[in-house]
N, C-alpha and C. Protein backbone atom coordinates (compact mmCIF):
# COMPACT_ATOMS: atom_id res chain seq x y z
N MET A 1 -28.08 -34.79 -61.67
CA MET A 1 -28.53 -33.70 -61.26
C MET A 1 -28.30 -32.80 -59.68
N VAL A 2 -27.36 -32.45 -59.16
CA VAL A 2 -27.61 -32.07 -57.79
C VAL A 2 -28.79 -31.20 -57.24
N TYR A 3 -29.65 -31.73 -56.44
CA TYR A 3 -30.72 -31.38 -55.87
C TYR A 3 -30.33 -30.61 -54.15
N TYR A 4 -30.10 -28.97 -53.98
CA TYR A 4 -29.67 -28.51 -52.93
C TYR A 4 -31.13 -28.21 -52.50
N ILE A 5 -30.83 -28.71 -51.11
CA ILE A 5 -32.27 -28.38 -49.56
C ILE A 5 -31.69 -27.77 -48.80
N PHE A 6 -31.74 -26.14 -48.44
CA PHE A 6 -31.26 -25.63 -47.69
C PHE A 6 -32.19 -25.79 -46.68
N LEU A 7 -31.80 -26.27 -45.79
CA LEU A 7 -32.32 -26.04 -44.74
C LEU A 7 -32.26 -25.74 -43.11
N ASP A 8 -33.58 -25.11 -42.43
CA ASP A 8 -33.30 -24.33 -41.41
C ASP A 8 -33.88 -25.50 -40.46
N ILE A 9 -33.95 -25.09 -39.22
CA ILE A 9 -34.43 -26.14 -38.13
C ILE A 9 -35.69 -25.51 -37.38
N ASP A 10 -35.06 -24.70 -36.89
CA ASP A 10 -36.59 -24.04 -35.76
C ASP A 10 -37.29 -23.23 -36.88
N GLY A 11 -38.71 -23.98 -36.28
CA GLY A 11 -40.29 -23.49 -37.28
C GLY A 11 -40.39 -24.41 -38.28
N VAL A 12 -39.19 -25.31 -38.94
CA VAL A 12 -39.71 -25.91 -39.95
C VAL A 12 -39.26 -27.85 -39.30
N LEU A 13 -38.33 -27.87 -38.61
CA LEU A 13 -38.57 -29.02 -38.38
C LEU A 13 -38.63 -29.01 -36.68
N ASN A 14 -38.73 -28.13 -35.77
CA ASN A 14 -39.14 -27.54 -34.64
C ASN A 14 -40.33 -26.70 -34.21
N ASP A 15 -41.50 -27.41 -34.98
CA ASP A 15 -42.92 -26.08 -35.12
C ASP A 15 -43.13 -26.04 -33.25
N GLU A 16 -43.71 -24.39 -33.49
CA GLU A 16 -44.05 -24.31 -31.97
C GLU A 16 -45.31 -25.41 -31.32
N ASP A 17 -45.82 -26.07 -32.12
CA ASP A 17 -47.23 -26.52 -31.39
C ASP A 17 -46.17 -27.96 -30.99
N TYR A 18 -45.59 -28.49 -31.35
CA TYR A 18 -44.60 -29.62 -31.29
C TYR A 18 -43.88 -29.09 -29.98
N ILE A 19 -43.12 -27.95 -30.02
CA ILE A 19 -42.59 -27.89 -29.07
C ILE A 19 -43.65 -27.49 -27.38
N ILE A 20 -44.62 -26.65 -27.44
CA ILE A 20 -45.72 -27.21 -26.36
C ILE A 20 -45.88 -28.07 -25.86
N LYS A 21 -45.90 -28.86 -26.83
CA LYS A 21 -46.58 -30.55 -26.56
C LYS A 21 -44.92 -31.37 -25.76
N ALA A 22 -44.21 -30.93 -26.28
CA ALA A 22 -43.02 -31.43 -25.59
C ALA A 22 -42.49 -30.35 -24.45
N TYR A 23 -43.08 -29.31 -24.37
CA TYR A 23 -42.60 -28.91 -22.88
C TYR A 23 -43.73 -29.09 -22.01
N GLU A 24 -45.01 -29.23 -22.39
CA GLU A 24 -45.76 -30.10 -21.06
C GLU A 24 -45.72 -31.27 -20.84
N LYS A 25 -45.13 -32.11 -21.50
CA LYS A 25 -45.07 -33.35 -21.67
C LYS A 25 -43.45 -33.45 -20.80
N ASN A 26 -42.87 -32.96 -20.71
CA ASN A 26 -41.55 -32.43 -19.96
C ASN A 26 -42.14 -32.19 -18.40
N GLY A 27 -43.33 -31.99 -18.03
CA GLY A 27 -44.23 -31.47 -16.83
C GLY A 27 -44.08 -29.60 -16.66
N GLY A 28 -43.62 -29.13 -17.73
CA GLY A 28 -43.62 -27.66 -17.77
C GLY A 28 -42.78 -26.74 -17.57
N TYR A 29 -41.32 -27.86 -17.33
CA TYR A 29 -40.00 -27.49 -16.99
C TYR A 29 -39.26 -26.54 -18.81
N ALA A 30 -39.02 -25.56 -18.11
CA ALA A 30 -38.42 -24.95 -19.69
C ALA A 30 -37.20 -25.96 -19.97
N MET A 31 -37.43 -25.48 -21.42
CA MET A 31 -35.88 -26.42 -22.47
C MET A 31 -35.13 -25.34 -23.24
N ASN A 32 -34.03 -26.30 -23.16
CA ASN A 32 -33.20 -25.53 -23.89
C ASN A 32 -33.58 -26.33 -25.60
N MET A 33 -32.81 -25.54 -26.43
CA MET A 33 -33.15 -25.90 -27.89
C MET A 33 -32.71 -27.21 -28.20
N ASN A 34 -31.56 -27.86 -27.36
CA ASN A 34 -30.80 -29.08 -27.57
C ASN A 34 -31.48 -30.39 -27.19
N GLN A 35 -32.66 -30.03 -25.95
CA GLN A 35 -33.80 -30.93 -25.53
C GLN A 35 -35.09 -30.87 -26.23
N VAL A 36 -35.59 -29.96 -27.18
CA VAL A 36 -36.56 -30.22 -28.19
C VAL A 36 -36.55 -31.09 -28.85
N PRO A 37 -37.48 -32.19 -29.18
CA PRO A 37 -37.33 -33.10 -30.16
C PRO A 37 -37.86 -32.71 -31.30
N PHE A 38 -37.67 -33.12 -32.47
CA PHE A 38 -38.00 -32.47 -33.77
C PHE A 38 -39.31 -33.60 -34.08
N ASP A 39 -39.92 -32.89 -34.88
CA ASP A 39 -41.40 -33.03 -35.16
C ASP A 39 -41.14 -34.32 -36.17
N PRO A 40 -41.87 -35.37 -35.73
CA PRO A 40 -42.12 -36.60 -36.34
C PRO A 40 -42.47 -36.09 -37.38
N ALA A 41 -43.41 -36.02 -37.56
CA ALA A 41 -44.30 -35.30 -38.79
C ALA A 41 -43.71 -34.67 -39.96
N ALA A 42 -42.52 -33.51 -39.31
CA ALA A 42 -42.27 -32.77 -40.37
C ALA A 42 -41.24 -33.58 -40.42
N LEU A 43 -40.36 -34.42 -40.23
CA LEU A 43 -39.30 -35.58 -40.50
C LEU A 43 -39.47 -36.53 -41.66
N GLU A 44 -40.66 -36.91 -41.15
CA GLU A 44 -41.71 -37.93 -42.37
C GLU A 44 -41.68 -36.78 -43.73
N ASN A 45 -42.28 -35.61 -43.87
CA ASN A 45 -42.28 -35.25 -44.64
C ASN A 45 -40.78 -34.70 -45.39
N LEU A 46 -39.96 -34.44 -44.98
CA LEU A 46 -38.10 -34.23 -45.60
C LEU A 46 -38.08 -35.44 -46.20
N MET A 47 -38.47 -36.48 -45.56
CA MET A 47 -37.97 -37.68 -45.76
C MET A 47 -38.62 -38.43 -47.28
N GLU A 48 -39.61 -38.35 -46.70
CA GLU A 48 -40.69 -38.76 -48.75
C GLU A 48 -40.17 -37.98 -49.33
N MET A 49 -40.11 -36.19 -49.14
CA MET A 49 -39.72 -35.02 -50.13
C MET A 49 -38.26 -35.61 -50.71
N VAL A 50 -37.67 -35.99 -49.56
CA VAL A 50 -35.85 -36.61 -50.61
C VAL A 50 -36.01 -38.08 -51.01
N LYS A 51 -36.77 -39.02 -51.07
CA LYS A 51 -37.16 -40.43 -51.76
C LYS A 51 -37.65 -39.41 -52.84
N ILE A 52 -38.42 -38.96 -53.12
CA ILE A 52 -38.96 -38.56 -54.62
C ILE A 52 -37.77 -37.63 -55.18
N ILE A 53 -36.68 -36.98 -54.52
CA ILE A 53 -35.47 -36.12 -55.77
C ILE A 53 -34.58 -36.93 -55.99
N ARG A 54 -34.60 -38.50 -55.33
CA ARG A 54 -33.68 -39.13 -55.33
C ARG A 54 -33.73 -39.91 -56.56
N LYS A 55 -35.02 -40.01 -57.10
CA LYS A 55 -35.38 -40.58 -58.11
C LYS A 55 -34.90 -39.71 -59.60
N HIS A 56 -34.60 -38.37 -58.96
CA HIS A 56 -33.93 -37.49 -59.98
C HIS A 56 -32.60 -37.27 -60.31
N GLY A 57 -32.13 -37.74 -59.40
CA GLY A 57 -31.07 -37.15 -59.21
C GLY A 57 -30.19 -36.97 -57.54
N GLU A 58 -29.02 -35.92 -56.93
CA GLU A 58 -28.83 -36.43 -56.07
C GLU A 58 -29.51 -34.93 -55.14
N PRO A 59 -30.38 -35.81 -53.62
CA PRO A 59 -30.88 -34.49 -53.07
C PRO A 59 -29.41 -34.47 -51.90
N ARG A 60 -29.32 -33.00 -51.81
CA ARG A 60 -27.84 -32.71 -50.60
C ARG A 60 -28.65 -31.62 -49.91
N ILE A 61 -28.84 -32.08 -48.38
CA ILE A 61 -29.12 -30.95 -46.92
C ILE A 61 -28.08 -30.42 -46.65
N ILE A 62 -28.49 -29.32 -47.08
CA ILE A 62 -27.68 -28.14 -46.75
C ILE A 62 -27.99 -27.25 -45.39
N LEU A 63 -27.51 -27.48 -44.52
CA LEU A 63 -27.69 -26.28 -43.04
C LEU A 63 -27.85 -25.35 -43.34
N SER A 64 -28.86 -24.60 -42.92
CA SER A 64 -28.43 -23.13 -43.26
C SER A 64 -29.06 -22.05 -41.98
N SER A 65 -29.44 -23.01 -40.85
CA SER A 65 -29.70 -22.41 -39.92
C SER A 65 -29.17 -22.11 -38.61
N THR A 66 -29.69 -21.49 -37.78
CA THR A 66 -28.53 -20.88 -36.73
C THR A 66 -27.68 -22.18 -35.92
N TRP A 67 -28.50 -23.82 -35.95
CA TRP A 67 -27.96 -24.88 -35.63
C TRP A 67 -26.82 -25.05 -36.22
N ARG A 68 -26.32 -24.58 -37.44
CA ARG A 68 -25.12 -24.87 -37.81
C ARG A 68 -23.71 -24.25 -36.90
N LEU A 69 -23.77 -23.45 -36.20
CA LEU A 69 -23.01 -22.78 -35.43
C LEU A 69 -22.23 -23.42 -34.28
N SER A 70 -22.62 -24.14 -33.87
CA SER A 70 -22.57 -25.00 -32.92
C SER A 70 -22.28 -26.55 -33.42
N ASP A 71 -20.70 -27.41 -33.12
CA ASP A 71 -20.76 -28.66 -33.16
C ASP A 71 -21.62 -29.53 -32.55
N ILE A 72 -22.22 -29.06 -31.26
CA ILE A 72 -23.05 -30.04 -30.55
C ILE A 72 -24.13 -29.75 -31.01
N ASP A 73 -24.76 -28.51 -31.89
CA ASP A 73 -25.93 -28.53 -32.57
C ASP A 73 -25.87 -29.55 -33.95
N ILE A 74 -25.04 -29.49 -34.64
CA ILE A 74 -25.19 -30.23 -35.77
C ILE A 74 -25.16 -31.66 -35.69
N ALA A 75 -24.71 -31.86 -34.37
CA ALA A 75 -24.39 -33.56 -34.11
C ALA A 75 -26.00 -33.93 -33.74
N ILE A 76 -26.61 -32.72 -33.22
CA ILE A 76 -27.67 -33.56 -32.65
C ILE A 76 -28.68 -33.16 -33.93
N VAL A 77 -28.93 -32.40 -35.06
CA VAL A 77 -29.23 -32.32 -36.27
C VAL A 77 -28.87 -33.51 -37.06
N LYS A 78 -27.74 -33.88 -37.01
CA LYS A 78 -27.02 -35.19 -38.04
C LYS A 78 -27.77 -36.59 -37.13
N ALA A 79 -28.25 -36.66 -36.01
CA ALA A 79 -28.68 -37.86 -35.45
C ALA A 79 -29.83 -37.90 -35.62
N ARG A 80 -30.87 -36.83 -35.27
CA ARG A 80 -31.77 -36.87 -35.56
C ARG A 80 -32.27 -37.19 -36.95
N LEU A 81 -32.04 -36.42 -38.23
CA LEU A 81 -32.29 -36.74 -39.33
C LEU A 81 -31.61 -38.25 -39.67
N ALA A 82 -30.79 -38.75 -39.48
CA ALA A 82 -30.19 -40.26 -39.53
C ALA A 82 -31.26 -41.31 -39.78
N GLU A 83 -32.17 -40.96 -38.15
CA GLU A 83 -33.10 -41.72 -38.02
C GLU A 83 -33.56 -42.11 -38.87
N TYR A 84 -34.54 -41.16 -39.79
CA TYR A 84 -35.56 -40.83 -40.90
C TYR A 84 -34.36 -41.44 -42.30
N GLY A 85 -33.24 -41.87 -42.25
CA GLY A 85 -32.51 -42.27 -43.41
C GLY A 85 -32.02 -41.01 -44.22
N LEU A 86 -31.72 -39.79 -43.42
CA LEU A 86 -31.60 -38.28 -44.11
C LEU A 86 -30.05 -37.95 -43.53
N GLN A 87 -29.06 -37.19 -43.83
CA GLN A 87 -27.76 -36.72 -43.83
C GLN A 87 -27.78 -35.37 -44.59
N ILE A 88 -26.82 -34.81 -43.33
CA ILE A 88 -26.60 -33.22 -43.70
C ILE A 88 -25.27 -33.58 -44.50
N ASN A 89 -25.11 -33.01 -45.72
CA ASN A 89 -24.08 -32.60 -46.66
C ASN A 89 -23.67 -31.79 -46.56
N GLY A 90 -23.72 -30.82 -45.64
CA GLY A 90 -22.73 -29.38 -45.84
C GLY A 90 -23.91 -28.46 -45.04
N LYS A 91 -22.81 -27.40 -45.13
CA LYS A 91 -23.66 -26.34 -44.15
C LYS A 91 -23.25 -24.64 -45.01
N THR A 92 -24.11 -23.97 -44.62
CA THR A 92 -23.75 -22.34 -45.02
C THR A 92 -22.74 -22.09 -44.23
N PRO A 93 -21.95 -20.68 -45.18
CA PRO A 93 -20.77 -19.79 -44.08
C PRO A 93 -21.40 -19.33 -43.58
N TYR A 94 -21.25 -18.57 -41.99
CA TYR A 94 -21.31 -18.05 -41.78
C TYR A 94 -20.80 -16.91 -41.51
N ASN A 95 -20.91 -15.66 -42.56
CA ASN A 95 -20.17 -14.40 -42.87
C ASN A 95 -21.01 -13.22 -42.96
N HIS A 96 -21.94 -13.05 -43.04
CA HIS A 96 -22.74 -11.98 -43.77
C HIS A 96 -24.08 -11.87 -42.65
N MET A 97 -24.30 -12.87 -42.06
CA MET A 97 -25.34 -12.45 -40.93
C MET A 97 -26.82 -12.60 -41.71
N ASN A 98 -26.62 -12.81 -43.30
CA ASN A 98 -27.45 -12.58 -43.98
C ASN A 98 -27.81 -14.12 -44.72
N ARG A 99 -28.58 -14.87 -44.32
CA ARG A 99 -28.60 -15.88 -45.24
C ARG A 99 -29.37 -15.82 -46.68
N GLY A 100 -29.18 -14.93 -47.29
CA GLY A 100 -29.70 -15.20 -48.59
C GLY A 100 -27.90 -15.26 -49.14
N ILE A 101 -27.04 -14.04 -48.72
CA ILE A 101 -25.95 -14.14 -49.32
C ILE A 101 -25.16 -14.98 -48.71
N GLU A 102 -25.54 -15.87 -47.64
CA GLU A 102 -24.61 -16.86 -46.95
C GLU A 102 -25.24 -18.50 -48.02
N ILE A 103 -26.42 -18.34 -48.48
CA ILE A 103 -26.41 -19.40 -49.38
C ILE A 103 -25.86 -18.81 -51.13
N GLN A 104 -25.97 -17.63 -51.18
CA GLN A 104 -25.12 -17.69 -52.58
C GLN A 104 -23.76 -17.81 -52.18
N ASP A 105 -23.10 -17.56 -51.54
CA ASP A 105 -21.66 -17.79 -51.38
C ASP A 105 -21.63 -19.29 -51.19
N PHE A 106 -22.46 -20.27 -50.70
CA PHE A 106 -22.20 -21.36 -50.54
C PHE A 106 -22.03 -22.16 -51.96
N LEU A 107 -23.42 -21.69 -52.88
CA LEU A 107 -23.41 -22.18 -53.88
C LEU A 107 -22.26 -21.32 -55.28
N SER A 108 -21.85 -20.64 -54.74
CA SER A 108 -21.02 -19.83 -55.74
C SER A 108 -19.82 -20.24 -56.57
N PRO A 109 -18.92 -21.17 -55.12
CA PRO A 109 -17.88 -22.17 -56.52
C PRO A 109 -18.13 -23.39 -57.11
N ARG A 110 -19.32 -24.06 -56.68
CA ARG A 110 -20.56 -25.13 -57.02
C ARG A 110 -20.41 -25.12 -58.56
N ALA A 111 -20.60 -26.23 -59.57
CA ALA A 111 -21.21 -26.45 -60.61
C ALA A 111 -22.27 -25.84 -61.00
N ILE A 112 -22.51 -25.69 -62.54
CA ILE A 112 -23.56 -24.88 -63.01
C ILE A 112 -24.91 -25.69 -62.68
N ASP A 113 -24.76 -27.12 -62.82
CA ASP A 113 -25.86 -28.08 -63.09
C ASP A 113 -26.04 -28.73 -61.97
N TYR A 114 -26.95 -27.88 -61.38
CA TYR A 114 -27.98 -27.88 -59.80
C TYR A 114 -29.15 -26.79 -60.16
N LYS A 115 -30.17 -27.56 -58.99
CA LYS A 115 -31.12 -26.99 -58.86
C LYS A 115 -31.49 -26.62 -56.83
N MET A 116 -31.87 -25.70 -57.06
CA MET A 116 -31.98 -25.27 -55.20
C MET A 116 -33.60 -24.90 -54.60
N VAL A 117 -33.85 -25.30 -53.15
CA VAL A 117 -34.80 -24.93 -52.39
C VAL A 117 -34.26 -24.43 -51.51
N ILE A 118 -34.75 -23.69 -50.51
CA ILE A 118 -34.66 -23.23 -49.02
C ILE A 118 -36.06 -23.65 -48.47
N LEU A 119 -36.02 -24.01 -47.26
CA LEU A 119 -36.79 -24.43 -46.58
C LEU A 119 -36.45 -23.54 -45.09
N ASP A 120 -37.69 -22.91 -45.39
CA ASP A 120 -37.13 -21.81 -43.59
C ASP A 120 -38.43 -21.33 -43.36
N ASP A 121 -38.92 -20.44 -41.78
CA ASP A 121 -39.79 -20.04 -41.66
C ASP A 121 -39.51 -18.30 -41.74
N ASP A 122 -38.39 -18.02 -41.82
CA ASP A 122 -38.40 -16.68 -42.16
C ASP A 122 -37.62 -16.60 -43.37
N SER A 123 -38.13 -15.41 -43.75
CA SER A 123 -38.38 -14.97 -45.57
C SER A 123 -37.29 -13.59 -45.45
N PHE A 124 -37.10 -12.50 -44.26
CA PHE A 124 -36.69 -11.24 -44.90
C PHE A 124 -35.31 -11.14 -45.34
N ASP A 125 -34.55 -11.75 -45.24
CA ASP A 125 -33.14 -12.35 -45.39
C ASP A 125 -32.95 -13.10 -46.90
N ILE A 126 -33.98 -13.55 -47.13
CA ILE A 126 -33.70 -14.56 -47.88
C ILE A 126 -34.14 -14.12 -49.68
N THR A 127 -35.40 -13.72 -49.43
CA THR A 127 -36.36 -13.35 -50.54
C THR A 127 -35.84 -12.19 -51.39
N PRO A 128 -34.97 -11.61 -51.03
CA PRO A 128 -34.11 -10.60 -51.72
C PRO A 128 -32.95 -11.36 -52.61
N VAL A 129 -32.62 -12.15 -52.16
CA VAL A 129 -31.90 -12.79 -52.91
C VAL A 129 -32.44 -13.75 -53.71
N TYR A 130 -33.00 -14.76 -52.96
CA TYR A 130 -33.77 -15.71 -53.90
C TYR A 130 -35.21 -16.23 -53.96
N PRO A 131 -35.82 -14.89 -54.09
CA PRO A 131 -37.48 -15.12 -54.18
C PRO A 131 -38.17 -16.31 -54.41
N ASP A 132 -37.40 -16.76 -55.69
CA ASP A 132 -37.90 -17.94 -56.41
C ASP A 132 -37.92 -18.88 -56.11
N ASN A 133 -37.00 -19.21 -55.04
CA ASN A 133 -36.29 -20.36 -54.24
C ASN A 133 -36.76 -21.03 -52.85
N LEU A 134 -37.72 -19.86 -52.96
CA LEU A 134 -38.02 -20.33 -50.84
C LEU A 134 -39.65 -20.68 -50.81
N VAL A 135 -39.27 -22.18 -49.95
CA VAL A 135 -40.58 -22.08 -49.28
C VAL A 135 -40.93 -21.73 -47.85
N THR A 136 -41.44 -20.49 -47.86
CA THR A 136 -41.55 -20.18 -46.43
C THR A 136 -42.98 -21.53 -45.53
N VAL A 137 -42.22 -21.61 -44.40
CA VAL A 137 -42.99 -22.87 -43.84
C VAL A 137 -43.41 -21.92 -42.47
N ASP A 138 -45.04 -22.03 -42.30
CA ASP A 138 -45.33 -21.84 -40.87
C ASP A 138 -44.50 -22.61 -39.47
N ARG A 139 -44.69 -21.09 -38.64
CA ARG A 139 -43.39 -21.71 -38.02
C ARG A 139 -44.29 -22.62 -36.63
N LYS A 140 -45.66 -22.55 -36.77
CA LYS A 140 -46.75 -22.97 -36.02
C LYS A 140 -46.77 -24.29 -35.90
N ILE A 141 -46.39 -24.78 -36.83
CA ILE A 141 -47.25 -26.33 -37.38
C ILE A 141 -45.83 -26.92 -38.00
N GLY A 142 -44.64 -26.30 -38.40
CA GLY A 142 -43.77 -26.83 -38.92
C GLY A 142 -43.61 -27.53 -40.52
N LEU A 143 -42.83 -28.12 -41.26
CA LEU A 143 -43.11 -28.65 -42.19
C LEU A 143 -44.01 -29.34 -42.49
N GLN A 144 -45.09 -29.34 -43.81
CA GLN A 144 -46.09 -29.75 -43.99
C GLN A 144 -45.78 -30.33 -45.54
N TRP A 145 -46.80 -31.11 -45.74
CA TRP A 145 -46.44 -31.85 -47.24
C TRP A 145 -46.46 -30.91 -48.26
N ASN A 146 -47.47 -29.69 -48.02
CA ASN A 146 -47.89 -28.95 -49.19
C ASN A 146 -46.50 -28.46 -49.12
N ASP A 147 -45.65 -28.07 -48.10
CA ASP A 147 -44.41 -27.17 -47.97
C ASP A 147 -43.71 -28.16 -48.97
N CYS A 148 -43.33 -29.13 -48.98
CA CYS A 148 -42.93 -30.46 -49.77
C CYS A 148 -43.15 -30.44 -51.27
N LYS A 149 -44.61 -30.24 -51.21
CA LYS A 149 -44.70 -30.60 -52.58
C LYS A 149 -44.46 -28.67 -53.65
N LYS A 150 -44.59 -27.75 -52.81
CA LYS A 150 -44.44 -26.65 -53.43
C LYS A 150 -42.72 -26.39 -53.61
N ALA A 151 -41.75 -27.34 -52.80
CA ALA A 151 -40.47 -27.12 -52.85
C ALA A 151 -40.09 -28.30 -54.11
N LEU A 152 -40.77 -29.45 -54.52
CA LEU A 152 -40.84 -30.12 -55.06
C LEU A 152 -40.72 -29.63 -56.33
N GLU A 153 -42.06 -28.60 -56.73
CA GLU A 153 -42.50 -27.52 -57.68
C GLU A 153 -40.93 -26.84 -58.22
N ILE A 154 -40.28 -26.15 -57.33
CA ILE A 154 -39.33 -25.43 -57.36
C ILE A 154 -38.03 -26.10 -58.12
N LEU A 155 -38.20 -27.59 -57.61
CA LEU A 155 -36.90 -28.29 -58.35
C LEU A 155 -37.41 -28.63 -59.35
N ASN A 156 -38.30 -28.02 -59.91
CA ASN A 156 -38.93 -28.52 -61.30
C ASN A 156 -39.55 -29.82 -61.50
N ILE A 157 -39.50 -30.86 -60.30
CA ILE A 157 -40.14 -32.38 -59.91
C ILE A 157 -41.17 -32.01 -60.01
N ILE A 158 -42.42 -32.69 -61.08
CA ILE A 158 -43.65 -32.61 -60.82
C ILE A 158 -44.43 -34.17 -60.81
N ASP A 159 -43.52 -35.05 -61.15
CA ASP A 159 -43.91 -36.91 -61.14
C ASP A 159 -44.00 -36.94 -59.47
N PHE A 160 -45.01 -36.43 -58.89
CA PHE A 160 -45.20 -36.97 -56.97
C PHE A 160 -46.24 -37.08 -56.57
């Protein structure tokens, strides 16, 4: 069984509280998004969730964030996830400017035997297409273990 995890970055792995701490640590100087480190707690939660999914099948992390639009940003995401033994297995197309439809376009040519979950801090363009597959992460605090538990339940993995 393939388990797709559609992953947003800002608000999920780069949460507001952690960005503020990084900004203060940087002496109060403005940083662009490439300079903001991902929240280690959020990365650890994602890593633990993926470990659980691996016991049931093949997890595939698909980048659905705007970070997928730049090769440099994709390289940064790959490097930061690799520190936690994680990898990006693909990205959604950018053709509708509607992430729900872009996820649908990504999945349409795939085999029928898969389950999927979406981790995102915005829901306006996802909920109309995938209301039952979305875990809306609080952008202030990022990906928490409770979010991961909801994701596992959506994937029908209950032994964690």
